[in-house]
All heavy atoms as atom14 arrays in JSON, in Angstrom:
{
  "sequence": "SFNSVSLNPPMVLWSLARDSLGLTAFMDSTHFAVHVLASAQEPLSARF",
  "atom14_mask": [
    [1, 1, 1, 1, 1, 1, 0, 0, 0, 0, 0, 0, 0, 0],
    [1, 1, 1, 1, 1, 1, 1, 1, 1, 1, 1, 0, 0, 0],
    [1, 1, 1, 1, 1, 1, 1, 1, 0, 0, 0, 0, 0, 0],
    [1, 1, 1, 1, 1, 1, 0, 0, 0, 0, 0, 0, 0, 0],
    [1, 1, 1, 1, 1, 1, 1, 0, 0, 0, 0, 0, 0, 0],
    [1, 1, 1, 1, 1, 1, 0, 0, 0, 0, 0, 0, 0, 0],
    [1, 1, 1, 1, 1, 1, 1, 1, 0, 0, 0, 0, 0, 0],
    [1, 1, 1, 1, 1, 1, 1, 1, 0, 0, 0, 0, 0, 0],
    [1, 1, 1, 1, 1, 1, 1, 0, 0, 0, 0, 0, 0, 0],
    [1, 1, 1, 1, 1, 1, 1, 0, 0, 0, 0, 0, 0, 0],
    [1, 1, 1, 1, 1, 1, 1, 1, 0, 0, 0, 0, 0, 0],
    [1, 1, 1, 1, 1, 1, 1, 0, 0, 0, 0, 0, 0, 0],
    [1, 1, 1, 1, 1, 1, 1, 1, 0, 0, 0, 0, 0, 0],
    [1, 1, 1, 1, 1, 1, 1, 1, 1, 1, 1, 1, 1, 1],
    [1, 1, 1, 1, 1, 1, 0, 0, 0, 0, 0, 0, 0, 0],
    [1, 1, 1, 1, 1, 1, 1, 1, 0, 0, 0, 0, 0, 0],
    [1, 1, 1, 1, 1, 0, 0, 0, 0, 0, 0, 0, 0, 0],
    [1, 1, 1, 1, 1, 1, 1, 1, 1, 1, 1, 0, 0, 0],
    [1, 1, 1, 1, 1, 1, 1, 1, 0, 0, 0, 0, 0, 0],
    [1, 1, 1, 1, 1, 1, 0, 0, 0, 0, 0, 0, 0, 0],
    [1, 1, 1, 1, 1, 1, 1, 1, 0, 0, 0, 0, 0, 0],
    [1, 1, 1, 1, 0, 0, 0, 0, 0, 0, 0, 0, 0, 0],
    [1, 1, 1, 1, 1, 1, 1, 1, 0, 0, 0, 0, 0, 0],
    [1, 1, 1, 1, 1, 1, 1, 0, 0, 0, 0, 0, 0, 0],
    [1, 1, 1, 1, 1, 0, 0, 0, 0, 0, 0, 0, 0, 0],
    [1, 1, 1, 1, 1, 1, 1, 1, 1, 1, 1, 0, 0, 0],
    [1, 1, 1, 1, 1, 1, 1, 1, 0, 0, 0, 0, 0, 0],
    [1, 1, 1, 1, 1, 1, 1, 1, 0, 0, 0, 0, 0, 0],
    [1, 1, 1, 1, 1, 1, 0, 0, 0, 0, 0, 0, 0, 0],
    [1, 1, 1, 1, 1, 1, 1, 0, 0, 0, 0, 0, 0, 0],
    [1, 1, 1, 1, 1, 1, 1, 1, 1, 1, 0, 0, 0, 0],
    [1, 1, 1, 1, 1, 1, 1, 1, 1, 1, 1, 0, 0, 0],
    [1, 1, 1, 1, 1, 0, 0, 0, 0, 0, 0, 0, 0, 0],
    [1, 1, 1, 1, 1, 1, 1, 0, 0, 0, 0, 0, 0, 0],
    [1, 1, 1, 1, 1, 1, 1, 1, 1, 1, 0, 0, 0, 0],
    [1, 1, 1, 1, 1, 1, 1, 0, 0, 0, 0, 0, 0, 0],
    [1, 1, 1, 1, 1, 1, 1, 1, 0, 0, 0, 0, 0, 0],
    [1, 1, 1, 1, 1, 0, 0, 0, 0, 0, 0, 0, 0, 0],
    [1, 1, 1, 1, 1, 1, 0, 0, 0, 0, 0, 0, 0, 0],
    [1, 1, 1, 1, 1, 0, 0, 0, 0, 0, 0, 0, 0, 0],
    [1, 1, 1, 1, 1, 1, 1, 1, 1, 0, 0, 0, 0, 0],
    [1, 1, 1, 1, 1, 1, 1, 1, 1, 0, 0, 0, 0, 0],
    [1, 1, 1, 1, 1, 1, 1, 0, 0, 0, 0, 0, 0, 0],
    [1, 1, 1, 1, 1, 1, 1, 1, 0, 0, 0, 0, 0, 0],
    [1, 1, 1, 1, 1, 1, 0, 0, 0, 0, 0, 0, 0, 0],
    [1, 1, 1, 1, 1, 0, 0, 0, 0, 0, 0, 0, 0, 0],
    [1, 1, 1, 1, 1, 1, 1, 1, 1, 1, 1, 0, 0, 0],
    [1, 1, 1, 1, 1, 1, 1, 1, 1, 1, 1, 0, 0, 0]
  ],
  "atom14_positions": [
    [[0.81, -1.21, 0.0], [0.0, 0.0, 0.0], [0.85, 1.27, 0.0], [0.32, 2.36, 0.19], [-0.91, 0.01, 1.24], [-0.14, -0.13, 2.42], [0.0, 0.0, 0.0], [0.0, 0.0, 0.0], [0.0, 0.0, 0.0], [0.0, 0.0, 0.0], [0.0, 0.0, 0.0], [0.0, 0.0, 0.0], [0.0, 0.0, 0.0], [0.0, 0.0, 0.0]],
    [[2.14, 1.13, -0.2], [3.07, 2.27, -0.15], [2.83, 3.22, -1.32], [2.57, 2.78, -2.44], [4.5, 1.73, -0.18], [5.55, 2.78, -0.3], [5.79, 3.67, 0.74], [6.31, 2.89, -1.46], [6.78, 4.65, 0.63], [7.3, 3.85, -1.58], [7.53, 4.73, -0.52], [0.0, 0.0, 0.0], [0.0, 0.0, 0.0], [0.0, 0.0, 0.0]],
    [[2.92, 4.52, -1.05], [2.75, 5.49, -2.12], [3.41, 6.81, -1.75], [3.62, 7.1, -0.57], [1.26, 5.74, -2.4], [0.99, 5.96, -3.87], [1.78, 6.57, -4.57], [-0.15, 5.45, -4.34], [0.0, 0.0, 0.0], [0.0, 0.0, 0.0], [0.0, 0.0, 0.0], [0.0, 0.0, 0.0], [0.0, 0.0, 0.0], [0.0, 0.0, 0.0]],
    [[3.71, 7.6, -2.77], [4.26, 8.94, -2.55], [3.13, 9.92, -2.28], [2.05, 9.83, -2.88], [5.05, 9.38, -3.79], [5.4, 10.74, -3.72], [0.0, 0.0, 0.0], [0.0, 0.0, 0.0], [0.0, 0.0, 0.0], [0.0, 0.0, 0.0], [0.0, 0.0, 0.0], [0.0, 0.0, 0.0], [0.0, 0.0, 0.0], [0.0, 0.0, 0.0]],
    [[3.38, 10.87, -1.37], [2.4, 11.91, -1.06], [2.87, 13.26, -1.58], [2.13, 13.99, -2.24], [2.15, 12.0, 0.47], [1.23, 13.17, 0.8], [1.58, 10.7, 0.99], [0.0, 0.0, 0.0], [0.0, 0.0, 0.0], [0.0, 0.0, 0.0], [0.0, 0.0, 0.0], [0.0, 0.0, 0.0], [0.0, 0.0, 0.0], [0.0, 0.0, 0.0]],
    [[4.12, 13.6, -1.3], [4.63, 14.93, -1.64], [6.14, 14.88, -1.78], [6.81, 14.09, -1.11], [4.23, 15.92, -0.54], [4.89, 17.14, -0.68], [0.0, 0.0, 0.0], [0.0, 0.0, 0.0], [0.0, 0.0, 0.0], [0.0, 0.0, 0.0], [0.0, 0.0, 0.0], [0.0, 0.0, 0.0], [0.0, 0.0, 0.0], [0.0, 0.0, 0.0]],
    [[6.67, 15.71, -2.69], [8.12, 15.84, -2.83], [8.67, 16.99, -1.99], [9.82, 16.97, -1.57], [8.49, 16.05, -4.31], [8.2, 14.88, -5.25], [8.58, 15.26, -6.67], [8.95, 13.63, -4.81], [0.0, 0.0, 0.0], [0.0, 0.0, 0.0], [0.0, 0.0, 0.0], [0.0, 0.0, 0.0], [0.0, 0.0, 0.0], [0.0, 0.0, 0.0]],
    [[7.85, 18.01, -1.75], [8.29, 19.16, -0.96], [7.13, 19.63, -0.07], [6.22, 20.31, -0.53], [8.73, 20.29, -1.88], [9.38, 21.44, -1.11], [9.83, 21.27, 0.02], [9.41, 22.61, -1.74], [0.0, 0.0, 0.0], [0.0, 0.0, 0.0], [0.0, 0.0, 0.0], [0.0, 0.0, 0.0], [0.0, 0.0, 0.0], [0.0, 0.0, 0.0]],
    [[7.12, 19.2, 1.21], [8.14, 18.38, 1.87], [8.06, 16.93, 1.42], [6.99, 16.48, 0.98], [7.78, 18.53, 3.36], [6.3, 18.75, 3.34], [6.03, 19.59, 2.13], [0.0, 0.0, 0.0], [0.0, 0.0, 0.0], [0.0, 0.0, 0.0], [0.0, 0.0, 0.0], [0.0, 0.0, 0.0], [0.0, 0.0, 0.0], [0.0, 0.0, 0.0]],
    [[9.14, 16.17, 1.55], [9.14, 14.76, 1.12], [8.3, 13.9, 2.08], [8.68, 13.71, 3.24], [10.61, 14.36, 1.15], [11.22, 15.28, 2.16], [10.46, 16.57, 2.07], [0.0, 0.0, 0.0], [0.0, 0.0, 0.0], [0.0, 0.0, 0.0], [0.0, 0.0, 0.0], [0.0, 0.0, 0.0], [0.0, 0.0, 0.0], [0.0, 0.0, 0.0]],
    [[7.19, 13.36, 1.57], [6.29, 12.57, 2.42], [5.78, 11.36, 1.66], [5.56, 11.42, 0.44], [5.12, 13.43, 2.9], [5.54, 14.67, 3.69], [4.14, 15.7, 4.18], [3.47, 14.71, 5.5], [0.0, 0.0, 0.0], [0.0, 0.0, 0.0], [0.0, 0.0, 0.0], [0.0, 0.0, 0.0], [0.0, 0.0, 0.0], [0.0, 0.0, 0.0]],
    [[5.6, 10.25, 2.37], [5.07, 9.01, 1.81], [3.99, 8.49, 2.74], [3.86, 8.94, 3.89], [6.17, 7.94, 1.64], [7.23, 8.4, 0.64], [6.8, 7.59, 2.98], [0.0, 0.0, 0.0], [0.0, 0.0, 0.0], [0.0, 0.0, 0.0], [0.0, 0.0, 0.0], [0.0, 0.0, 0.0], [0.0, 0.0, 0.0], [0.0, 0.0, 0.0]],
    [[3.2, 7.52, 2.24], [2.19, 6.9, 3.1], [2.13, 5.4, 2.84], [2.56, 4.91, 1.79], [0.83, 7.55, 2.91], [0.09, 7.4, 1.56], [-0.55, 6.03, 1.35], [-1.0, 8.47, 1.46], [0.0, 0.0, 0.0], [0.0, 0.0, 0.0], [0.0, 0.0, 0.0], [0.0, 0.0, 0.0], [0.0, 0.0, 0.0], [0.0, 0.0, 0.0]],
    [[1.57, 4.7, 3.78], [1.25, 3.28, 3.64], [0.14, 2.99, 4.63], [-0.16, 3.81, 5.51], [2.48, 2.39, 3.9], [2.97, 2.42, 5.32], [3.62, 3.45, 5.95], [2.8, 1.4, 6.3], [3.89, 3.13, 7.25], [3.4, 1.88, 7.5], [2.23, 0.14, 6.28], [3.42, 1.12, 8.67], [2.27, -0.62, 7.44], [2.85, -0.13, 8.63]],
    [[-0.52, 1.85, 4.48], [-1.64, 1.53, 5.37], [-1.48, 0.14, 5.95], [-0.83, -0.74, 5.37], [-2.97, 1.63, 4.63], [-3.06, 0.69, 3.58], [0.0, 0.0, 0.0], [0.0, 0.0, 0.0], [0.0, 0.0, 0.0], [0.0, 0.0, 0.0], [0.0, 0.0, 0.0], [0.0, 0.0, 0.0], [0.0, 0.0, 0.0], [0.0, 0.0, 0.0]],
    [[-2.1, -0.05, 7.13], [-1.99, -1.31, 7.86], [-3.36, -1.71, 8.38], [-4.09, -0.88, 8.94], [-1.0, -1.15, 9.03], [-0.75, -2.35, 9.92], [-0.19, -3.52, 9.09], [0.23, -2.0, 11.04], [0.0, 0.0, 0.0], [0.0, 0.0, 0.0], [0.0, 0.0, 0.0], [0.0, 0.0, 0.0], [0.0, 0.0, 0.0], [0.0, 0.0, 0.0]],
    [[-3.71, -2.97, 8.19], [-5.02, -3.48, 8.64], [-5.15, -3.37, 10.14], [-4.18, -3.57, 10.89], [-5.2, -4.92, 8.19], [0.0, 0.0, 0.0], [0.0, 0.0, 0.0], [0.0, 0.0, 0.0], [0.0, 0.0, 0.0], [0.0, 0.0, 0.0], [0.0, 0.0, 0.0], [0.0, 0.0, 0.0], [0.0, 0.0, 0.0], [0.0, 0.0, 0.0]],
    [[-6.36, -3.07, 10.6], [-6.6, -2.91, 12.03], [-6.38, -4.21, 12.82], [-6.08, -4.15, 14.02], [-8.04, -2.44, 12.27], [-8.27, -1.0, 11.84], [-9.7, -0.59, 12.18], [-9.91, 0.81, 11.9], [-9.57, 1.8, 12.73], [-8.98, 1.52, 13.87], [-9.81, 3.06, 12.41], [0.0, 0.0, 0.0], [0.0, 0.0, 0.0], [0.0, 0.0, 0.0]],
    [[-6.54, -5.34, 12.15], [-6.36, -6.61, 12.86], [-4.93, -7.12, 12.8], [-4.64, -8.25, 13.2], [-7.32, -7.68, 12.33], [-7.09, -8.01, 10.86], [-6.23, -7.36, 10.21], [-7.76, -8.93, 10.34], [0.0, 0.0, 0.0], [0.0, 0.0, 0.0], [0.0, 0.0, 0.0], [0.0, 0.0, 0.0], [0.0, 0.0, 0.0], [0.0, 0.0, 0.0]],
    [[-3.99, -6.31, 12.27], [-2.59, -6.73, 12.19], [-1.97, -6.82, 13.57], [-2.2, -5.97, 14.44], [-1.8, -5.74, 11.33], [-0.42, -6.0, 11.41], [0.0, 0.0, 0.0], [0.0, 0.0, 0.0], [0.0, 0.0, 0.0], [0.0, 0.0, 0.0], [0.0, 0.0, 0.0], [0.0, 0.0, 0.0], [0.0, 0.0, 0.0], [0.0, 0.0, 0.0]],
    [[-1.14, -7.84, 13.77], [-0.44, -8.0, 15.04], [0.54, -6.86, 15.29], [0.89, -6.57, 16.44], [0.3, -9.34, 15.06], [-0.56, -10.61, 14.99], [0.34, -11.84, 14.95], [-1.52, -10.68, 16.15], [0.0, 0.0, 0.0], [0.0, 0.0, 0.0], [0.0, 0.0, 0.0], [0.0, 0.0, 0.0], [0.0, 0.0, 0.0], [0.0, 0.0, 0.0]],
    [[0.99, -6.2, 14.24], [1.98, -5.13, 14.39], [1.38, -3.75, 14.55], [2.13, -2.77, 14.67], [0.0, 0.0, 0.0], [0.0, 0.0, 0.0], [0.0, 0.0, 0.0], [0.0, 0.0, 0.0], [0.0, 0.0, 0.0], [0.0, 0.0, 0.0], [0.0, 0.0, 0.0], [0.0, 0.0, 0.0], [0.0, 0.0, 0.0], [0.0, 0.0, 0.0]],
    [[0.04, -3.64, 14.55], [-0.57, -2.31, 14.58], [-0.16, -1.51, 15.82], [0.2, -0.33, 15.71], [-2.1, -2.44, 14.52], [-2.86, -1.11, 14.54], [-2.49, -0.26, 13.33], [-4.36, -1.35, 14.6], [0.0, 0.0, 0.0], [0.0, 0.0, 0.0], [0.0, 0.0, 0.0], [0.0, 0.0, 0.0], [0.0, 0.0, 0.0], [0.0, 0.0, 0.0]],
    [[-0.19, -2.11, 16.98], [0.14, -1.39, 18.21], [1.55, -0.83, 18.16], [1.79, 0.32, 18.54], [0.0, -2.32, 19.43], [-1.35, -2.77, 19.51], [0.35, -1.6, 20.71], [0.0, 0.0, 0.0], [0.0, 0.0, 0.0], [0.0, 0.0, 0.0], [0.0, 0.0, 0.0], [0.0, 0.0, 0.0], [0.0, 0.0, 0.0], [0.0, 0.0, 0.0]],
    [[2.5, -1.62, 17.66], [3.88, -1.16, 17.58], [4.01, 0.06, 16.67], [4.69, 1.03, 17.01], [4.77, -2.29, 17.07], [0.0, 0.0, 0.0], [0.0, 0.0, 0.0], [0.0, 0.0, 0.0], [0.0, 0.0, 0.0], [0.0, 0.0, 0.0], [0.0, 0.0, 0.0], [0.0, 0.0, 0.0], [0.0, 0.0, 0.0], [0.0, 0.0, 0.0]],
    [[3.35, 0.03, 15.51], [3.45, 1.17, 14.6], [2.68, 2.38, 15.12], [3.05, 3.53, 14.83], [2.97, 0.78, 13.21], [3.97, -0.03, 12.43], [3.86, -1.41, 12.34], [5.04, 0.6, 11.8], [4.79, -2.15, 11.63], [5.98, -0.13, 11.09], [5.86, -1.51, 11.01], [0.0, 0.0, 0.0], [0.0, 0.0, 0.0], [0.0, 0.0, 0.0]],
    [[1.62, 2.15, 15.89], [0.89, 3.27, 16.49], [1.74, 3.94, 17.57], [1.69, 5.17, 17.75], [-0.42, 2.78, 17.09], [-1.45, 2.31, 16.05], [-2.07, 3.65, 15.0], [-3.12, 4.52, 16.17], [0.0, 0.0, 0.0], [0.0, 0.0, 0.0], [0.0, 0.0, 0.0], [0.0, 0.0, 0.0], [0.0, 0.0, 0.0], [0.0, 0.0, 0.0]],
    [[2.55, 3.15, 18.27], [3.35, 3.68, 19.39], [4.69, 4.25, 18.94], [5.29, 5.06, 19.66], [3.58, 2.58, 20.43], [2.29, 2.16, 21.13], [1.31, 2.92, 21.06], [2.29, 1.06, 21.73], [0.0, 0.0, 0.0], [0.0, 0.0, 0.0], [0.0, 0.0, 0.0], [0.0, 0.0, 0.0], [0.0, 0.0, 0.0], [0.0, 0.0, 0.0]],
    [[5.21, 3.82, 17.79], [6.55, 4.23, 17.38], [6.52, 5.59, 16.71], [5.49, 6.05, 16.21], [7.14, 3.2, 16.42], [6.38, 3.14, 15.22], [0.0, 0.0, 0.0], [0.0, 0.0, 0.0], [0.0, 0.0, 0.0], [0.0, 0.0, 0.0], [0.0, 0.0, 0.0], [0.0, 0.0, 0.0], [0.0, 0.0, 0.0], [0.0, 0.0, 0.0]],
    [[7.66, 6.24, 16.69], [7.78, 7.57, 16.09], [8.4, 7.54, 14.69], [8.36, 8.54, 13.97], [8.63, 8.48, 16.98], [9.92, 7.87, 17.15], [7.98, 8.66, 18.35], [0.0, 0.0, 0.0], [0.0, 0.0, 0.0], [0.0, 0.0, 0.0], [0.0, 0.0, 0.0], [0.0, 0.0, 0.0], [0.0, 0.0, 0.0], [0.0, 0.0, 0.0]],
    [[8.97, 6.41, 14.32], [9.65, 6.3, 13.03], [9.35, 4.94, 12.39], [9.01, 3.98, 13.09], [11.17, 6.45, 13.18], [11.6, 7.8, 13.66], [11.47, 8.2, 14.97], [12.17, 8.84, 12.98], [11.94, 9.44, 15.1], [12.37, 9.83, 13.92], [0.0, 0.0, 0.0], [0.0, 0.0, 0.0], [0.0, 0.0, 0.0], [0.0, 0.0, 0.0]],
    [[9.52, 4.87, 11.1], [9.43, 3.59, 10.37], [10.33, 3.67, 9.15], [10.71, 4.76, 8.7], [7.99, 3.25, 9.99], [7.31, 4.24, 9.08], [7.5, 4.19, 7.69], [6.46, 5.21, 9.59], [6.87, 5.1, 6.85], [5.82, 6.12, 8.75], [6.03, 6.07, 7.38], [0.0, 0.0, 0.0], [0.0, 0.0, 0.0], [0.0, 0.0, 0.0]],
    [[10.66, 2.51, 8.61], [11.47, 2.42, 7.39], [10.71, 1.59, 6.36], [10.18, 0.52, 6.68], [12.82, 1.79, 7.68], [0.0, 0.0, 0.0], [0.0, 0.0, 0.0], [0.0, 0.0, 0.0], [0.0, 0.0, 0.0], [0.0, 0.0, 0.0], [0.0, 0.0, 0.0], [0.0, 0.0, 0.0], [0.0, 0.0, 0.0], [0.0, 0.0, 0.0]],
    [[10.65, 2.07, 5.15], [10.0, 1.36, 4.04], [11.07, 0.82, 3.12], [11.94, 1.56, 2.64], [9.06, 2.29, 3.26], [8.4, 1.52, 2.11], [7.98, 2.88, 4.17], [0.0, 0.0, 0.0], [0.0, 0.0, 0.0], [0.0, 0.0, 0.0], [0.0, 0.0, 0.0], [0.0, 0.0, 0.0], [0.0, 0.0, 0.0], [0.0, 0.0, 0.0]],
    [[11.01, -0.49, 2.86], [11.97, -1.16, 1.97], [11.24, -1.59, 0.7], [10.34, -2.43, 0.77], [12.57, -2.4, 2.64], [13.2, -2.12, 3.97], [12.44, -1.89, 5.11], [14.5, -2.05, 4.35], [13.26, -1.69, 6.14], [14.51, -1.77, 5.7], [0.0, 0.0, 0.0], [0.0, 0.0, 0.0], [0.0, 0.0, 0.0], [0.0, 0.0, 0.0]],
    [[11.6, -1.0, -0.43], [11.05, -1.44, -1.72], [11.86, -2.66, -2.14], [13.07, -2.56, -2.4], [11.15, -0.33, -2.78], [10.6, -0.82, -4.12], [10.39, 0.92, -2.31], [0.0, 0.0, 0.0], [0.0, 0.0, 0.0], [0.0, 0.0, 0.0], [0.0, 0.0, 0.0], [0.0, 0.0, 0.0], [0.0, 0.0, 0.0], [0.0, 0.0, 0.0]],
    [[11.21, -3.82, -2.19], [11.94, -5.07, -2.41], [12.41, -5.22, -3.85], [11.74, -4.81, -4.8], [11.06, -6.26, -2.03], [10.62, -6.35, -0.57], [9.91, -7.67, -0.31], [11.81, -6.19, 0.38], [0.0, 0.0, 0.0], [0.0, 0.0, 0.0], [0.0, 0.0, 0.0], [0.0, 0.0, 0.0], [0.0, 0.0, 0.0], [0.0, 0.0, 0.0]],
    [[13.58, -5.83, -3.99], [14.11, -6.18, -5.31], [13.5, -7.5, -5.75], [12.94, -8.26, -4.96], [15.64, -6.28, -5.24], [0.0, 0.0, 0.0], [0.0, 0.0, 0.0], [0.0, 0.0, 0.0], [0.0, 0.0, 0.0], [0.0, 0.0, 0.0], [0.0, 0.0, 0.0], [0.0, 0.0, 0.0], [0.0, 0.0, 0.0], [0.0, 0.0, 0.0]],
    [[13.6, -7.77, -7.06], [12.93, -8.95, -7.62], [13.39, -10.25, -6.99], [12.63, -11.22, -6.95], [13.15, -8.99, -9.14], [14.53, -9.07, -9.44], [0.0, 0.0, 0.0], [0.0, 0.0, 0.0], [0.0, 0.0, 0.0], [0.0, 0.0, 0.0], [0.0, 0.0, 0.0], [0.0, 0.0, 0.0], [0.0, 0.0, 0.0], [0.0, 0.0, 0.0]],
    [[14.63, -10.3, -6.48], [15.15, -11.53, -5.89], [14.71, -11.72, -4.45], [15.04, -12.74, -3.82], [16.68, -11.55, -5.96], [0.0, 0.0, 0.0], [0.0, 0.0, 0.0], [0.0, 0.0, 0.0], [0.0, 0.0, 0.0], [0.0, 0.0, 0.0], [0.0, 0.0, 0.0], [0.0, 0.0, 0.0], [0.0, 0.0, 0.0], [0.0, 0.0, 0.0]],
    [[13.94, -10.78, -3.9], [13.59, -10.83, -2.47], [12.18, -11.35, -2.22], [11.61, -11.11, -1.16], [13.77, -9.44, -1.85], [15.21, -8.98, -1.79], [15.38, -7.62, -1.17], [14.77, -6.64, -1.61], [16.2, -7.53, -0.13], [0.0, 0.0, 0.0], [0.0, 0.0, 0.0], [0.0, 0.0, 0.0], [0.0, 0.0, 0.0], [0.0, 0.0, 0.0]],
    [[11.66, -12.11, -3.16], [10.34, -12.73, -2.96], [10.27, -13.57, -1.69], [9.28, -13.5, -0.95], [9.98, -13.56, -4.19], [8.6, -14.18, -4.15], [8.3, -14.97, -5.41], [8.76, -14.56, -6.49], [7.61, -15.99, -5.31], [0.0, 0.0, 0.0], [0.0, 0.0, 0.0], [0.0, 0.0, 0.0], [0.0, 0.0, 0.0], [0.0, 0.0, 0.0]],
    [[11.31, -14.39, -1.37], [11.25, -15.16, -0.11], [11.16, -14.26, 1.12], [10.49, -14.6, 2.09], [12.57, -15.95, -0.12], [12.95, -16.05, -1.55], [12.5, -14.74, -2.16], [0.0, 0.0, 0.0], [0.0, 0.0, 0.0], [0.0, 0.0, 0.0], [0.0, 0.0, 0.0], [0.0, 0.0, 0.0], [0.0, 0.0, 0.0], [0.0, 0.0, 0.0]],
    [[11.81, -13.09, 1.07], [11.75, -12.16, 2.19], [10.33, -11.59, 2.33], [9.82, -11.42, 3.44], [12.76, -11.03, 1.98], [13.28, -10.31, 3.22], [13.96, -11.29, 4.17], [14.23, -9.19, 2.83], [0.0, 0.0, 0.0], [0.0, 0.0, 0.0], [0.0, 0.0, 0.0], [0.0, 0.0, 0.0], [0.0, 0.0, 0.0], [0.0, 0.0, 0.0]],
    [[9.7, -11.33, 1.21], [8.31, -10.84, 1.23], [7.4, -11.87, 1.88], [6.53, -11.53, 2.7], [7.84, -10.55, -0.19], [6.46, -10.28, -0.22], [0.0, 0.0, 0.0], [0.0, 0.0, 0.0], [0.0, 0.0, 0.0], [0.0, 0.0, 0.0], [0.0, 0.0, 0.0], [0.0, 0.0, 0.0], [0.0, 0.0, 0.0], [0.0, 0.0, 0.0]],
    [[7.59, -13.14, 1.51], [6.76, -14.21, 2.09], [7.01, -14.33, 3.59], [6.07, -14.53, 4.37], [7.05, -15.53, 1.39], [0.0, 0.0, 0.0], [0.0, 0.0, 0.0], [0.0, 0.0, 0.0], [0.0, 0.0, 0.0], [0.0, 0.0, 0.0], [0.0, 0.0, 0.0], [0.0, 0.0, 0.0], [0.0, 0.0, 0.0], [0.0, 0.0, 0.0]],
    [[8.26, -14.2, 4.01], [8.59, -14.32, 5.43], [7.9, -13.22, 6.25], [7.27, -13.5, 7.27], [10.1, -14.22, 5.63], [10.48, -14.28, 7.12], [11.9, -13.78, 7.39], [12.9, -14.73, 7.0], [14.08, -14.86, 7.63], [14.37, -14.11, 8.68], [14.96, -15.73, 7.21], [0.0, 0.0, 0.0], [0.0, 0.0, 0.0], [0.0, 0.0, 0.0]],
    [[8.0, -11.98, 5.77], [7.42, -10.87, 6.52], [5.9, -10.74, 6.3], [5.23, -10.01, 7.02], [8.12, -9.56, 6.16], [9.42, -9.36, 6.87], [10.59, -9.96, 6.41], [9.49, -8.61, 8.03], [11.79, -9.79, 7.06], [10.69, -8.43, 8.7], [11.85, -9.02, 8.22], [0.0, 0.0, 0.0], [0.0, 0.0, 0.0], [0.0, 0.0, 0.0]]
  ]
}
């Protein structure tokens, strides 16, 4: 669900389902990192 919002200021967005086990952590944290996966990282996508 990752997408660009603005270049100036530089902003992006993504969305997370309410029933996700990780929702509380992302609600409580102040930072996050988005990794755009390379074509060889399909196994990593399945893992996460």
